[in-house]
Amino acid sequence: MSYFTDLAQQYIDGEWRTGGGSWDIIDFNPYNDEKLASITVATVDEVDQAYRAAERAQQAWADTNPYARRAVFERALRLVEEREEEIAAAIIAELGGTRTKAGFELHLAKEFLREAVNLALRPEGRILPSPEDGKENRLYRVPVGVVGVISPFNFPFLLSLKSVAPALALGNAVVLKPHQNTPILGGSLVAKLFEDAGLPPGLLNVVITDIAEIGDALLEHPVPSVISFTGSDKVGKHVATVCAANFKRSVLELGGNSALIVLDDADLDYAVDAAVFSRFVHQGQVCMAANRVLVDRSVEAAFTEKFTAKVRTLVSGDPADPATHLGPLINSSQVEAVTALVEQAVAGGATALVHGTAEGNVLSPTVLTGVPDDSPVLRQEIFGPVVTLIPFDGDEEAVRIANDTPYGLSGAVHTGDIERGVRLAQRVRTGMIHINDSTVHDEPIVPFGGEKHSGVGRLNGESTVEAFTTHKWISIQHGRSRFPF
């Protein structure tokens, strides 16, 4: 099937249908500007229909034997394996991912589906003691009901599945809104996958739309109990505010400004490889990417020479070419924003050791050094192939610089002394940090999330169970209570 022709629709209550809006979202290939699909937006009324369908279907699904629920995810996993080449081609076309990136995203998507298979059987109840004679306390772990999921454009297939699959496995229903730049991979394809895997109608609904059409309807609607949002901290702050005002729980996976720290005893060649991957994977459009590479001044010259030499070998261009390391950014607006940041930094006194240029939406790498301490580029997320090299004198200063940002998502420390690295890592205010590795990691059973502006809550494994279920206390009085009146 042609994903971009056949799936350019809304998916509500088990039906593929045209949106009711008066305008279309146009899905473009960011490398060559080819029009992939035209999708009429969903309206506020259709958001309501999607949530109501989810609400109607959810209880029967929650009551379904978890072994039967598990079978849906086993089939979904097999379908991804069977369709891997088609999905990889769609990743290259819709978001400009290289072949390496497509393989990376699909590998993780399959791992998270395997975890969803296990999650169907994960919730467990407890019996707790009571100070009251004859009292039995049963604590049940139950689904929250309906979950709203809003996914981003950079890893749309993976990051939609990462919330959708476990939420469904745990007995919930879902309404998914993909990013408007990746409506097929982040939305329709996920719906088709679960439809073909035998998920009952109404449990997963996909609304392809824009805030210009629906405003906050997806967040304010009375049906969902939890909103899972992945995106920028600016939008995440708004999501959190609206959810709080409507007594909803929000799980927020937001941006980052991660630091990869190279200590004076690090293996420099290996640290260079890790740093180049950490910054330039998927053109730097990764929340965990190492925006900043901090290098002990005693090895700064040697590291910088090796690092810039490797960056100059990176090939930018057609993501379909297996030799390409960096494909296009998602759209021209992103190219303009990243280019403006670089020019602002250089005008402020920074030196571009490697100065990237734009050709269409393809932006080649930039390496900055000598960035003034007060430069905005040091403290914000850069969603593009730009890295800053920052020298430091000793571990104390490394920690201070690493923490000098509103974000706290990921990080890495390179050192020949593992325990020294761990001691330093413990002092960096970040949700995740890796010793002698890249900053870009996600594993199905390890809690994933950030501190400060990088998010609220965690996903993966038991954290996902916490996110998409709630506790229910049922007590039983086997004797007779005594009341004061």
Protein backbone atom coordinates (compact mmCIF):
# COMPACT_ATOMS: atom_id res chain seq x y z
CA MET A 1 0.00 0.00 0.00
CA SER A 2 1.01 3.61 -0.43
CA TYR A 3 1.08 5.07 3.07
CA PHE A 4 0.89 8.68 1.88
CA THR A 5 -2.07 8.04 -0.43
CA ASP A 6 -4.07 5.48 1.52
CA LEU A 7 -3.58 6.82 5.04
CA ALA A 8 -4.16 10.53 4.47
CA GLN A 9 -7.30 10.51 6.61
CA GLN A 10 -8.61 10.77 10.13
CA TYR A 11 -9.21 7.54 12.06
CA ILE A 12 -12.15 7.82 14.45
CA ASP A 13 -14.19 5.01 16.03
CA GLY A 14 -12.67 2.42 13.71
CA GLU A 15 -13.47 4.36 10.54
CA TRP A 16 -11.18 6.10 8.06
CA ARG A 17 -12.74 9.41 7.13
CA THR A 18 -12.06 12.87 5.75
CA GLY A 19 -11.73 15.65 8.29
CA GLY A 20 -14.52 18.18 8.57
CA GLY A 21 -12.34 21.29 8.51
CA SER A 22 -12.18 23.88 5.76
CA TRP A 23 -8.44 23.60 5.06
CA ASP A 24 -5.76 20.97 4.54
CA ILE A 25 -2.49 20.03 6.19
CA ILE A 26 0.02 19.44 3.39
CA ASP A 27 2.62 16.78 4.12
CA PHE A 28 5.91 17.55 2.33
CA ASN A 29 9.15 15.65 1.87
CA PRO A 30 11.60 18.04 3.59
CA TYR A 31 14.48 17.11 1.28
CA ASN A 32 12.92 17.69 -2.13
CA ASP A 33 9.64 19.48 -1.25
CA GLU A 34 7.61 16.73 -2.91
CA LYS A 35 3.98 16.79 -1.80
CA LEU A 36 3.34 13.49 -0.04
CA ALA A 37 -0.24 13.93 1.15
CA SER A 38 -3.04 16.41 1.70
CA ILE A 39 -5.18 15.86 4.79
CA THR A 40 -8.27 17.89 5.66
CA VAL A 41 -7.99 18.87 9.31
CA ALA A 42 -10.13 17.45 12.08
CA THR A 43 -12.46 19.91 13.83
CA VAL A 44 -13.32 20.41 17.50
CA ASP A 45 -16.42 18.28 16.90
CA GLU A 46 -14.27 15.45 15.57
CA VAL A 47 -11.96 15.68 18.56
CA ASP A 48 -15.08 15.23 20.69
CA GLN A 49 -16.18 12.25 18.56
CA ALA A 50 -12.76 10.66 18.97
CA TYR A 51 -12.77 11.07 22.75
CA ARG A 52 -16.37 9.83 23.05
CA ALA A 53 -15.55 6.75 20.95
CA ALA A 54 -12.56 6.06 23.19
CA GLU A 55 -14.71 6.47 26.29
CA ARG A 56 -17.33 4.01 24.98
CA ALA A 57 -14.78 1.37 24.05
CA GLN A 58 -12.49 1.59 27.05
CA GLN A 59 -14.32 -0.31 29.78
CA ALA A 60 -14.84 -3.46 27.74
CA TRP A 61 -11.16 -3.37 26.80
CA ALA A 62 -10.13 -2.96 30.44
CA ASP A 63 -12.32 -5.96 31.29
CA THR A 64 -10.72 -8.06 28.53
CA ASN A 65 -8.42 -10.82 29.72
CA PRO A 66 -4.90 -9.30 29.70
CA TYR A 67 -3.60 -12.34 27.83
CA ALA A 68 -6.03 -11.50 25.02
CA ARG A 69 -4.91 -7.87 25.10
CA ARG A 70 -1.31 -9.02 24.92
CA ALA A 71 -1.96 -10.87 21.66
CA VAL A 72 -2.73 -7.58 19.88
CA PHE A 73 0.76 -6.28 20.63
CA GLU A 74 2.38 -9.53 19.60
CA ARG A 75 0.67 -9.19 16.22
CA ALA A 76 1.59 -5.49 15.97
CA LEU A 77 5.23 -6.38 16.54
CA ARG A 78 5.14 -9.00 13.79
CA LEU A 79 3.58 -6.48 11.42
CA VAL A 80 6.33 -3.94 12.06
CA GLU A 81 8.92 -6.63 11.37
CA GLU A 82 7.15 -7.60 8.12
CA ARG A 83 6.78 -3.97 6.98
CA GLU A 84 10.14 -2.71 8.16
CA GLU A 85 11.40 -1.71 4.70
CA GLU A 86 8.20 0.19 3.89
CA ILE A 87 8.26 2.05 7.21
CA ALA A 88 11.95 2.90 6.80
CA ALA A 89 11.21 4.37 3.37
CA ALA A 90 8.44 6.47 4.92
CA ILE A 91 10.82 7.76 7.62
CA ILE A 92 13.25 8.86 4.92
CA ALA A 93 10.49 10.54 2.89
CA GLU A 94 8.36 12.22 5.56
CA LEU A 95 10.93 13.50 8.03
CA GLY A 96 14.20 13.38 6.14
CA GLY A 97 15.70 10.68 8.30
CA THR A 98 18.80 8.96 6.99
CA ARG A 99 18.87 5.21 6.53
CA THR A 100 20.85 4.91 9.76
CA LYS A 101 18.28 7.00 11.61
CA ALA A 102 15.40 4.97 10.18
CA GLY A 103 17.05 1.77 11.39
CA PHE A 104 17.64 3.28 14.84
CA GLU A 105 14.00 4.41 15.15
CA LEU A 106 12.61 1.07 13.99
CA HIS A 107 14.87 -0.89 16.33
CA LEU A 108 13.60 1.09 19.32
CA ALA A 109 9.98 0.91 18.11
CA LYS A 110 10.18 -2.88 18.10
CA GLU A 111 11.76 -2.90 21.56
CA PHE A 112 8.95 -0.75 22.95
CA LEU A 113 6.33 -3.00 21.35
CA ARG A 114 8.00 -5.99 23.04
CA GLU A 115 7.73 -4.14 26.34
CA ALA A 116 4.03 -3.41 25.63
CA VAL A 117 3.48 -7.15 25.28
CA ASN A 118 4.82 -7.54 28.82
CA LEU A 119 2.99 -4.50 30.19
CA ALA A 120 -0.40 -6.10 29.54
CA LEU A 121 0.36 -8.48 32.42
CA ARG A 122 2.30 -6.05 34.62
CA PRO A 123 -0.31 -4.35 36.88
CA GLU A 124 -0.54 -6.04 40.24
CA GLY A 125 -2.80 -5.48 43.23
CA ARG A 126 -1.80 -5.49 46.88
CA ILE A 127 -3.39 -6.34 50.21
CA LEU A 128 -2.38 -3.92 52.96
CA PRO A 129 -2.81 -4.27 56.73
CA SER A 130 -5.22 -2.08 58.67
CA PRO A 131 -5.18 -0.77 62.24
CA GLU A 132 -8.92 -1.62 62.37
CA ASP A 133 -9.87 -5.12 63.50
CA GLY A 134 -11.53 -7.17 60.79
CA LYS A 135 -10.54 -4.72 58.01
CA GLU A 136 -9.02 -5.91 54.74
CA ASN A 137 -7.48 -3.29 52.43
CA ARG A 138 -7.25 -4.18 48.77
CA LEU A 139 -5.25 -1.87 46.52
CA TYR A 140 -6.07 -2.28 42.85
CA ARG A 141 -4.00 -0.93 39.94
CA VAL A 142 -6.53 0.19 37.32
CA PRO A 143 -6.39 2.02 33.96
CA VAL A 144 -6.83 5.79 34.05
CA GLY A 145 -9.47 5.48 31.28
CA VAL A 146 -8.63 7.58 28.23
CA VAL A 147 -5.20 9.02 27.42
CA GLY A 148 -4.52 11.89 25.03
CA VAL A 149 -1.18 11.61 23.23
CA ILE A 150 0.53 14.46 21.37
CA SER A 151 3.67 13.34 19.52
CA PRO A 152 6.56 15.26 17.90
CA PHE A 153 8.08 15.28 14.41
CA ASN A 154 11.61 14.05 15.08
CA PHE A 155 10.91 10.39 15.99
CA PRO A 156 7.20 10.29 15.20
CA PHE A 157 6.65 6.55 14.80
CA LEU A 158 8.67 5.64 17.89
CA LEU A 159 7.41 8.41 20.15
CA SER A 160 3.77 7.85 19.24
CA LEU A 161 4.13 4.12 19.92
CA LYS A 162 6.03 4.81 23.14
CA SER A 163 2.87 6.26 24.75
CA VAL A 164 0.12 4.68 22.65
CA ALA A 165 1.18 1.03 22.97
CA PRO A 166 1.65 0.91 26.76
CA ALA A 167 -1.46 2.99 27.41
CA LEU A 168 -3.49 0.48 25.38
CA ALA A 169 -1.71 -2.52 26.89
CA LEU A 170 -2.63 -1.30 30.37
CA GLY A 171 -6.34 -1.22 29.50
CA ASN A 172 -6.83 2.39 28.39
CA ALA A 173 -8.18 3.91 25.19
CA VAL A 174 -6.21 6.59 23.33
CA VAL A 175 -6.72 9.67 21.19
CA LEU A 176 -3.52 10.49 19.29
CA LYS A 177 -2.65 13.79 17.65
CA PRO A 178 0.55 13.60 15.59
CA HIS A 179 2.67 16.61 14.67
CA GLN A 180 1.39 18.31 11.52
CA ASN A 181 4.77 17.78 9.80
CA THR A 182 4.60 14.00 10.30
CA PRO A 183 0.90 13.06 10.21
CA ILE A 184 1.38 9.65 8.61
CA LEU A 185 4.29 8.18 10.58
CA GLY A 186 3.16 9.75 13.84
CA GLY A 187 -0.54 9.10 13.41
CA SER A 188 -2.23 7.24 10.56
CA LEU A 189 0.41 4.53 10.27
CA VAL A 190 0.13 3.79 13.99
CA ALA A 191 -3.66 3.49 13.63
CA LYS A 192 -3.29 1.18 10.61
CA LEU A 193 -0.79 -0.98 12.47
CA PHE A 194 -3.18 -1.58 15.37
CA GLU A 195 -6.21 -1.95 13.13
CA ASP A 196 -4.42 -4.73 11.24
CA ALA A 197 -3.29 -6.25 14.56
CA GLY A 198 -6.93 -6.65 15.61
CA LEU A 199 -7.38 -3.84 18.12
CA PRO A 200 -11.14 -3.34 18.61
CA PRO A 201 -12.64 -0.17 17.04
CA GLY A 202 -12.74 2.99 19.12
CA LEU A 203 -9.77 2.18 21.34
CA LEU A 204 -7.28 4.13 19.23
CA ASN A 205 -8.38 7.27 17.43
CA VAL A 206 -6.13 9.58 15.39
CA VAL A 207 -7.00 13.23 14.80
CA ILE A 208 -4.77 15.07 12.35
CA THR A 209 -5.26 18.75 12.99
CA ASP A 210 -3.67 21.94 14.23
CA ILE A 211 -4.08 24.25 17.19
CA ALA A 212 -5.24 26.93 14.74
CA GLU A 213 -8.31 24.76 14.15
CA ILE A 214 -9.02 23.18 17.55
CA GLY A 215 -7.33 25.47 20.09
CA ASP A 216 -7.03 23.63 23.41
CA ALA A 217 -9.90 21.22 22.76
CA LEU A 218 -7.61 18.21 22.92
CA LEU A 219 -6.42 19.25 26.39
CA GLU A 220 -9.60 20.67 27.89
CA HIS A 221 -11.97 17.88 26.85
CA PRO A 222 -13.56 16.25 29.91
CA VAL A 223 -12.91 12.63 28.85
CA PRO A 224 -9.12 12.15 29.04
CA SER A 225 -7.53 11.75 32.47
CA VAL A 226 -3.92 11.92 31.30
CA ILE A 227 -2.20 13.88 28.53
CA SER A 228 1.17 12.58 27.31
CA PHE A 229 3.02 15.32 25.43
CA THR A 230 6.42 15.25 23.75
CA GLY A 231 7.72 18.51 22.31
CA SER A 232 9.19 21.87 23.20
CA ASP A 233 9.29 23.28 26.71
CA LYS A 234 7.36 26.36 25.57
CA VAL A 235 4.39 24.30 24.41
CA GLY A 236 4.86 21.87 27.30
CA LYS A 237 4.42 24.70 29.79
CA HIS A 238 1.10 25.56 28.17
CA VAL A 239 0.01 21.90 28.15
CA ALA A 240 0.85 21.59 31.86
CA THR A 241 -1.05 24.77 32.70
CA VAL A 242 -4.21 23.75 30.85
CA CYS A 243 -4.09 20.21 32.25
CA ALA A 244 -3.71 21.48 35.80
CA ALA A 245 -6.63 23.85 35.35
CA ASN A 246 -8.75 20.92 34.21
CA PHE A 247 -7.54 18.48 36.91
CA LYS A 248 -5.69 16.24 34.48
CA ARG A 249 -2.36 14.54 34.94
CA SER A 250 0.29 15.47 32.36
CA VAL A 251 3.40 13.53 31.38
CA LEU A 252 5.81 15.91 29.67
CA GLU A 253 8.88 14.86 27.70
CA LEU A 254 10.41 18.18 26.66
CA GLY A 255 13.61 19.71 25.27
CA GLY A 256 17.20 19.55 26.36
CA ASN A 257 20.54 21.28 26.26
CA SER A 258 22.69 18.34 27.20
CA ALA A 259 26.39 18.49 27.98
CA LEU A 260 28.91 15.82 27.01
CA ILE A 261 31.84 16.26 29.40
CA VAL A 262 35.36 15.14 28.42
CA LEU A 263 37.67 14.84 31.44
CA ASP A 264 41.45 15.02 31.28
CA ASP A 265 41.85 11.22 31.44
CA ALA A 266 39.33 10.38 28.70
CA ASP A 267 40.02 8.27 25.62
CA LEU A 268 39.92 11.21 23.21
CA ASP A 269 39.35 9.27 20.00
CA TYR A 270 36.39 7.44 21.55
CA ALA A 271 35.06 10.66 23.12
CA VAL A 272 35.18 12.34 19.71
CA ASP A 273 33.14 9.54 18.14
CA ALA A 274 30.57 9.70 20.95
CA ALA A 275 30.36 13.50 20.79
CA VAL A 276 29.93 13.64 17.01
CA PHE A 277 27.13 11.07 17.15
CA SER A 278 25.53 12.72 20.20
CA ARG A 279 25.29 16.08 18.43
CA PHE A 280 24.67 15.24 14.78
CA VAL A 281 22.41 12.17 14.80
CA HIS A 282 19.26 13.08 12.85
CA GLN A 283 20.72 16.51 12.05
CA GLY A 284 20.70 17.39 15.75
CA GLN A 285 16.90 17.22 15.92
CA VAL A 286 16.99 15.09 19.05
CA CYS A 287 16.02 16.28 22.52
CA MET A 288 18.91 14.31 24.09
CA ALA A 289 21.51 15.67 21.67
CA ALA A 290 24.73 17.12 23.08
CA ASN A 291 24.36 20.81 22.31
CA ARG A 292 27.46 21.48 24.40
CA VAL A 293 30.72 19.57 24.48
CA LEU A 294 32.70 20.48 27.61
CA VAL A 295 36.42 19.66 27.41
CA ASP A 296 39.09 19.86 30.11
CA ARG A 297 41.48 22.61 29.08
CA SER A 298 44.48 20.28 29.34
CA VAL A 299 43.15 18.20 26.41
CA GLU A 300 41.18 20.93 24.63
CA ALA A 301 43.59 21.44 21.74
CA ALA A 302 43.98 17.74 20.95
CA PHE A 303 40.25 17.05 21.28
CA THR A 304 39.27 20.06 19.16
CA GLU A 305 41.60 19.04 16.35
CA LYS A 306 40.24 15.49 16.26
CA PHE A 307 36.62 16.60 16.67
CA THR A 308 36.62 19.20 13.89
CA ALA A 309 38.44 16.79 11.57
CA LYS A 310 35.73 14.16 12.07
CA VAL A 311 32.90 16.70 11.68
CA ARG A 312 34.36 17.76 8.32
CA THR A 313 34.01 14.16 7.10
CA LEU A 314 30.24 14.11 7.67
CA VAL A 315 28.22 14.00 4.46
CA SER A 316 25.11 16.19 4.24
CA GLY A 317 22.49 15.67 1.56
CA ASP A 318 19.93 13.17 0.29
CA PRO A 319 18.74 11.03 3.22
CA ALA A 320 17.98 8.16 0.85
CA ASP A 321 21.68 7.87 -0.01
CA PRO A 322 23.32 5.34 2.35
CA ALA A 323 26.45 7.52 2.44
CA THR A 324 24.56 10.49 3.92
CA HIS A 325 25.09 11.28 7.60
CA LEU A 326 22.90 14.42 7.80
CA GLY A 327 19.67 14.87 5.89
CA PRO A 328 17.36 17.90 5.89
CA LEU A 329 15.84 19.72 8.83
CA ILE A 330 12.09 19.30 9.03
CA ASN A 331 11.23 22.60 7.29
CA SER A 332 12.62 25.92 6.08
CA SER A 333 11.54 27.74 9.24
CA GLN A 334 13.77 25.48 11.29
CA VAL A 335 16.69 26.11 8.92
CA GLU A 336 16.20 29.87 9.25
CA ALA A 337 15.98 29.70 13.05
CA VAL A 338 19.15 27.63 13.43
CA THR A 339 21.07 29.76 10.93
CA ALA A 340 20.03 32.92 12.78
CA LEU A 341 21.30 31.46 16.08
CA VAL A 342 24.69 30.75 14.54
CA GLU A 343 24.97 34.22 13.06
CA GLN A 344 23.95 35.76 16.39
CA ALA A 345 26.65 33.77 18.21
CA VAL A 346 29.36 34.71 15.71
CA ALA A 347 28.32 38.38 15.81
CA GLY A 348 28.59 38.18 19.60
CA GLY A 349 32.19 37.00 19.50
CA ALA A 350 32.07 33.25 18.92
CA THR A 351 34.39 31.58 16.38
CA ALA A 352 33.04 29.07 13.86
CA LEU A 353 35.73 26.40 13.49
CA VAL A 354 33.39 24.72 11.01
CA HIS A 355 30.71 26.95 9.48
CA GLY A 356 27.73 25.12 8.04
CA THR A 357 25.84 26.28 4.99
CA ALA A 358 22.27 25.69 3.89
CA GLU A 359 21.17 24.11 0.64
CA GLY A 360 17.41 23.90 0.68
CA ASN A 361 16.53 22.38 4.04
CA VAL A 362 19.90 20.63 4.32
CA LEU A 363 22.16 22.41 6.79
CA SER A 364 25.74 21.18 7.13
CA PRO A 365 27.41 21.10 10.59
CA THR A 366 28.66 24.10 12.53
CA VAL A 367 31.22 23.92 15.35
CA LEU A 368 31.46 27.00 17.58
CA THR A 369 34.12 27.88 20.12
CA GLY A 370 34.92 30.94 22.17
CA VAL A 371 31.23 31.54 22.80
CA PRO A 372 30.86 34.38 25.34
CA ASP A 373 29.47 33.30 28.71
CA ASP A 374 26.39 35.48 28.29
CA SER A 375 25.50 34.17 24.84
CA PRO A 376 21.91 32.85 24.57
CA VAL A 377 23.17 29.99 22.40
CA LEU A 378 24.72 28.34 25.49
CA ARG A 379 21.48 28.01 27.44
CA GLN A 380 18.84 27.10 24.87
CA GLU A 381 18.00 24.03 22.90
CA ILE A 382 19.30 24.08 19.32
CA PHE A 383 17.31 21.69 17.15
CA GLY A 384 19.87 21.49 14.39
CA PRO A 385 23.48 20.55 13.55
CA VAL A 386 25.27 23.13 15.70
CA VAL A 387 27.59 22.36 18.60
CA THR A 388 29.54 24.53 21.04
CA LEU A 389 32.94 23.49 22.41
CA ILE A 390 33.51 24.84 25.91
CA PRO A 391 36.78 24.47 27.88
CA PHE A 392 36.81 24.02 31.66
CA ASP A 393 39.41 23.83 34.40
CA GLY A 394 38.76 20.87 36.66
CA ASP A 395 35.69 18.86 37.62
CA GLU A 396 34.09 21.59 39.74
CA GLU A 397 33.91 23.99 36.82
CA ALA A 398 32.62 21.23 34.55
CA VAL A 399 29.67 20.66 36.88
CA ARG A 400 28.98 24.38 37.15
CA ILE A 401 28.91 24.86 33.37
CA ALA A 402 26.86 21.71 32.77
CA ASN A 403 24.22 22.95 35.23
CA ASP A 404 24.14 26.49 33.82
CA THR A 405 21.02 25.90 31.71
CA PRO A 406 17.26 25.78 32.31
CA TYR A 407 17.23 22.21 30.96
CA GLY A 408 18.16 18.86 32.47
CA LEU A 409 17.40 15.96 30.18
CA SER A 410 20.50 13.94 29.33
CA GLY A 411 24.28 14.11 29.41
CA ALA A 412 27.49 12.10 29.28
CA VAL A 413 30.86 11.98 31.02
CA HIS A 414 34.01 10.56 29.41
CA THR A 415 36.79 9.49 31.73
CA GLY A 416 39.30 6.73 32.35
CA ASP A 417 38.10 6.51 35.98
CA ILE A 418 34.52 5.24 36.02
CA GLU A 419 33.84 6.10 39.66
CA ARG A 420 35.16 9.63 39.14
CA GLY A 421 32.71 9.90 36.27
CA VAL A 422 29.86 8.64 38.44
CA ARG A 423 30.69 11.12 41.20
CA LEU A 424 30.62 13.97 38.70
CA ALA A 425 27.44 12.66 37.03
CA GLN A 426 25.62 12.61 40.36
CA ARG A 427 26.12 16.36 40.65
CA VAL A 428 24.76 17.25 37.22
CA ARG A 429 21.06 18.15 37.46
CA THR A 430 19.72 15.96 34.73
CA GLY A 431 17.28 13.08 34.50
CA MET A 432 19.72 10.83 32.64
CA ILE A 433 23.48 10.79 32.22
CA HIS A 434 25.81 8.20 30.72
CA ILE A 435 29.42 7.32 31.51
CA ASN A 436 31.68 6.76 28.48
CA ASP A 437 28.85 6.75 25.96
CA SER A 438 26.67 9.10 23.94
CA THR A 439 23.94 11.33 25.35
CA VAL A 440 21.29 9.70 23.12
CA HIS A 441 19.76 6.64 24.78
CA ASP A 442 16.31 5.24 25.41
CA GLU A 443 15.56 1.77 26.78
CA PRO A 444 12.13 0.22 27.35
CA ILE A 445 12.43 -0.59 31.06
CA VAL A 446 14.63 2.29 32.29
CA PRO A 447 12.86 5.47 33.50
CA PHE A 448 13.15 8.20 30.84
CA GLY A 449 12.60 11.87 31.59
CA GLY A 450 14.15 15.13 32.62
CA GLU A 451 14.53 17.72 35.34
CA LYS A 452 13.86 21.48 35.28
CA HIS A 453 12.43 22.62 31.91
CA SER A 454 13.07 19.20 30.36
CA GLY A 455 9.85 17.70 31.61
CA VAL A 456 7.65 16.31 34.34
CA GLY A 457 7.23 12.62 35.03
CA ARG A 458 8.87 9.56 33.53
CA LEU A 459 8.04 6.90 30.96
CA ASN A 460 9.28 3.34 30.33
CA GLY A 461 8.81 0.20 32.42
CA GLU A 462 7.30 0.73 35.84
CA SER A 463 7.24 4.49 35.22
CA THR A 464 4.84 3.90 32.34
CA VAL A 465 2.61 1.84 34.61
CA GLU A 466 2.58 4.77 37.04
CA ALA A 467 1.81 7.21 34.22
CA PHE A 468 -1.13 5.39 32.66
CA THR A 469 -2.78 3.69 35.65
CA THR A 470 -4.05 4.78 39.04
CA HIS A 471 -4.61 3.15 42.42
CA LYS A 472 -8.05 2.23 43.71
CA TRP A 473 -8.53 1.33 47.37
CA ILE A 474 -11.33 -1.05 48.25
CA SER A 475 -11.68 -1.99 51.90
CA ILE A 476 -13.74 -4.84 53.32
CA GLN A 477 -14.95 -4.94 56.90
CA HIS A 478 -15.24 -8.64 57.78
CA GLY A 479 -16.45 -7.86 61.29
CA ARG A 480 -18.41 -4.83 62.47
CA SER A 481 -17.03 -1.32 62.84
CA ARG A 482 -17.88 0.79 65.87
CA PHE A 483 -19.12 4.28 65.11
CA PRO A 484 -19.13 7.23 67.53
CA PHE A 485 -22.79 7.97 66.87
